[in-house]
Protein backbone atom coordinates (compact mmCIF):
# COMPACT_ATOMS: atom_id res chain seq x y z
CA MET A 1 -13.65 -23.17 4.00
CA SER A 2 -12.34 -19.89 2.65
CA ARG A 3 -9.59 -20.41 0.08
CA ILE A 4 -7.57 -17.51 1.46
CA GLY A 5 -8.53 -17.92 5.12
CA LYS A 6 -7.51 -21.57 5.41
CA LEU A 7 -3.94 -21.00 4.16
CA PRO A 8 -1.37 -21.07 6.97
CA ILE A 9 0.97 -18.08 7.43
CA GLN A 10 4.68 -18.94 7.74
CA ILE A 11 6.59 -16.84 10.28
CA PRO A 12 10.07 -16.00 8.91
CA ALA A 13 13.18 -15.90 11.11
CA GLY A 14 13.52 -12.69 13.12
CA VAL A 15 9.76 -12.08 13.36
CA THR A 16 7.79 -12.55 16.59
CA VAL A 17 4.00 -12.79 16.67
CA THR A 18 1.91 -12.55 19.83
CA VAL A 19 -1.86 -12.73 20.38
CA SER A 20 -3.22 -11.01 23.51
CA LYS A 21 -6.35 -11.95 25.48
CA ASP A 22 -8.42 -9.23 23.79
CA ASN A 23 -7.56 -10.80 20.40
CA THR A 24 -5.00 -8.19 19.34
CA VAL A 25 -2.24 -9.53 17.10
CA THR A 26 1.18 -7.87 17.46
CA VAL A 27 3.93 -8.54 14.91
CA LYS A 28 7.52 -7.38 15.55
CA GLY A 29 10.39 -7.58 13.08
CA LYS A 30 13.54 -5.86 11.91
CA LEU A 31 11.59 -3.11 10.08
CA GLY A 32 9.14 -2.24 12.87
CA GLN A 33 6.09 -3.30 14.83
CA LEU A 34 2.43 -3.54 13.75
CA THR A 35 -0.74 -4.34 15.69
CA GLN A 36 -4.20 -5.37 14.50
CA LYS A 37 -7.36 -5.87 16.53
CA VAL A 38 -9.10 -9.07 15.40
CA ASP A 39 -12.85 -9.70 15.76
CA PRO A 40 -13.57 -11.85 18.86
CA ASP A 41 -15.32 -14.52 16.74
CA ILE A 42 -12.17 -15.21 14.69
CA GLU A 43 -9.56 -17.40 16.37
CA VAL A 44 -5.83 -16.87 15.74
CA VAL A 45 -3.58 -19.79 16.77
CA ILE A 46 0.24 -19.80 16.67
CA ASN A 47 1.98 -23.22 16.40
CA LYS A 48 5.80 -22.97 16.25
CA ASN A 49 6.43 -21.02 13.01
CA VAL A 50 2.88 -21.14 11.59
CA ILE A 51 -0.15 -18.94 12.19
CA ASN A 52 -3.62 -20.42 11.55
CA VAL A 53 -6.82 -18.37 11.40
CA SER A 54 -10.15 -20.14 11.93
CA ARG A 55 -13.84 -19.21 12.13
CA PRO A 56 -16.58 -20.70 14.34
CA THR A 57 -19.46 -21.04 11.83
CA GLU A 58 -20.30 -20.90 8.14
CA GLN A 59 -22.20 -17.59 8.44
CA LYS A 60 -21.57 -15.11 5.65
CA ARG A 61 -20.16 -12.58 8.14
CA HIS A 62 -17.69 -15.11 9.55
CA LYS A 63 -16.62 -16.23 6.07
CA ALA A 64 -15.89 -12.63 5.06
CA MET A 65 -13.88 -11.87 8.20
CA HIS A 66 -11.93 -15.15 7.97
CA GLY A 67 -10.18 -14.22 4.72
CA LEU A 68 -9.88 -10.55 5.68
CA TYR A 69 -8.02 -11.10 8.94
CA ARG A 70 -5.79 -13.78 7.42
CA SER A 71 -4.74 -11.32 4.69
CA LEU A 72 -4.18 -8.49 7.18
CA ILE A 73 -1.99 -10.66 9.42
CA ASN A 74 -0.07 -11.98 6.39
CA ASN A 75 0.58 -8.40 5.19
CA MET A 76 1.83 -7.49 8.67
CA VAL A 77 4.29 -10.43 8.68
CA ILE A 78 5.57 -9.59 5.18
CA GLY A 79 5.79 -5.88 6.06
CA VAL A 80 7.97 -6.23 9.16
CA SER A 81 10.27 -8.76 7.46
CA THR A 82 10.74 -7.43 3.89
CA GLY A 83 8.61 -4.26 3.58
CA PHE A 84 6.52 -2.85 0.73
CA THR A 85 7.41 -0.44 -2.09
CA LYS A 86 5.22 1.82 -4.24
CA LYS A 87 6.50 3.82 -7.20
CA GLN A 88 4.65 6.67 -8.85
CA GLU A 89 5.49 8.49 -12.05
CA LEU A 90 4.72 12.14 -12.83
CA VAL A 91 3.79 12.40 -16.51
CA GLY A 92 3.55 15.88 -17.98
CA VAL A 93 5.64 18.83 -19.09
CA GLY A 94 7.05 20.62 -16.05
CA TYR A 95 5.69 18.11 -13.52
CA LYS A 96 8.35 17.68 -10.82
CA ALA A 97 8.75 16.20 -7.35
CA GLU A 98 11.41 17.00 -4.75
CA THR A 99 11.89 15.79 -1.19
CA THR A 100 13.33 17.62 1.81
CA GLY A 101 13.14 15.33 4.83
CA GLN A 102 9.56 14.10 5.13
CA ILE A 103 8.10 16.90 2.97
CA LEU A 104 7.25 16.07 -0.65
CA ASP A 105 7.17 19.20 -2.83
CA LEU A 106 5.09 18.69 -5.99
CA SER A 107 4.90 20.96 -9.02
CA LEU A 108 1.89 19.73 -11.02
CA GLY A 109 0.97 22.57 -13.35
CA TYR A 110 -1.05 24.54 -10.82
CA SER A 111 -0.26 28.18 -9.96
CA HIS A 112 1.34 26.98 -6.71
CA HIS A 113 3.49 24.11 -5.41
CA ILE A 114 1.92 21.42 -3.25
CA ALA A 115 3.86 20.60 -0.06
CA PHE A 116 2.72 17.23 1.30
CA GLU A 117 3.98 15.87 4.62
CA ILE A 118 4.74 12.14 4.53
CA PRO A 119 4.20 10.12 7.76
CA ALA A 120 7.35 9.09 9.64
CA GLU A 121 6.74 5.36 8.94
CA ILE A 122 7.30 5.92 5.20
CA LYS A 123 10.67 6.60 3.55
CA VAL A 124 10.19 8.71 0.45
CA GLU A 125 12.58 9.53 -2.37
CA ALA A 126 12.00 11.54 -5.54
CA LYS A 127 14.25 11.21 -8.58
CA THR A 128 14.22 13.37 -11.67
CA GLU A 129 16.61 12.43 -14.45
CA ARG A 130 17.17 14.48 -17.54
CA ARG A 131 14.69 13.85 -20.33
CA SER A 132 12.53 11.51 -18.23
CA ASN A 133 9.59 11.71 -15.87
CA SER A 134 10.00 12.20 -12.13
CA ILE A 135 9.66 9.00 -10.07
CA ILE A 136 8.45 9.00 -6.44
CA THR A 137 9.53 5.88 -4.51
CA MET A 138 7.92 5.13 -1.13
CA ILE A 139 9.02 2.30 1.18
CA SER A 140 7.24 1.22 4.38
CA HIS A 141 6.45 -1.78 6.56
CA ASP A 142 2.75 -0.78 6.79
CA LYS A 143 0.98 -1.71 3.54
CA GLN A 144 -2.29 -0.03 4.50
CA LEU A 145 -0.68 3.33 5.32
CA LEU A 146 1.52 3.14 2.22
CA GLY A 147 -1.48 2.61 -0.07
CA HIS A 148 -3.41 5.40 1.59
CA VAL A 149 -0.56 7.92 1.16
CA ALA A 150 0.03 6.81 -2.45
CA GLN A 151 -3.64 7.38 -3.30
CA LYS A 152 -3.59 10.79 -1.60
CA ILE A 153 -0.58 11.84 -3.72
CA ARG A 154 -2.29 10.52 -6.85
CA SER A 155 -5.44 12.53 -6.04
CA PHE A 156 -3.53 15.81 -6.50
CA ARG A 157 -3.46 15.23 -10.29
CA LYS A 158 -5.13 12.04 -11.53
CA PRO A 159 -4.06 10.83 -15.01
CA GLU A 160 -6.35 12.16 -17.69
CA PRO A 161 -7.54 9.78 -20.46
CA TYR A 162 -6.44 11.74 -23.56
CA LYS A 163 -2.71 12.41 -23.14
CA GLY A 164 -2.13 10.47 -19.91
CA LYS A 165 -0.83 13.49 -18.00
CA GLY A 166 -0.89 13.24 -14.22
CA ILE A 167 0.42 11.02 -11.41
CA LYS A 168 0.25 7.30 -12.17
CA PHE A 169 1.72 4.16 -10.65
CA VAL A 170 4.75 2.74 -12.46
CA GLY A 171 3.56 -0.05 -14.75
CA GLU A 172 -0.08 1.05 -14.63
CA GLU A 173 -1.97 0.74 -17.92
CA LEU A 174 -4.26 3.70 -18.52
CA ARG A 175 -7.37 3.49 -20.67
CA ARG A 176 -6.81 6.04 -23.41
CA LYS A 177 -9.54 7.76 -25.37
CA ALA A 178 -9.35 8.90 -28.99
CA GLY A 179 -9.55 12.63 -29.51
CA LYS A 180 -11.86 14.59 -31.81
CA SER A 181 -9.80 13.86 -34.92
CA ALA A 182 -10.60 10.13 -34.70
CA SER A 183 -14.33 10.60 -35.36
CA ALA A 184 -15.81 8.96 -38.46
CA LYS A 185 -16.85 11.22 -41.37
């Protein structure tokens, strides 16, 4: 049995989970609604406040999908009940971020500003305090969409290994390289 796949998913109060005949799982909660199409071989069973995911055989394909769909459904339940947060930090002289509605305006050392439109499902906020780096905070109920948008923002200026300038996640440890002056003589 898959270690992740066999774990039951607890349904918190205020969250409703339904499974349709075509094996589509719909999760509704206070923060929104998410749907996920599940492979027909994987069985999703709801008993009172617990969701169980099971597989028919021990084939490698079924084992892989067992843990995958359990994790996706668990992330949906957590998302509609508590939500997910990602924070990114802009490290570099003159690197700034500002928000106007759902538009994120980034100044990353290029000759132009980058205006990036954030999807409606994500709440975004950019803070710049004096003498500190700008912080972009994104909150959403959809973990997959949130991660995708965070990686897209990061791709505008990835952190470089020498000084660490660029867009990084808060708390991320970067592998730093020694410069020329550190070479042995």
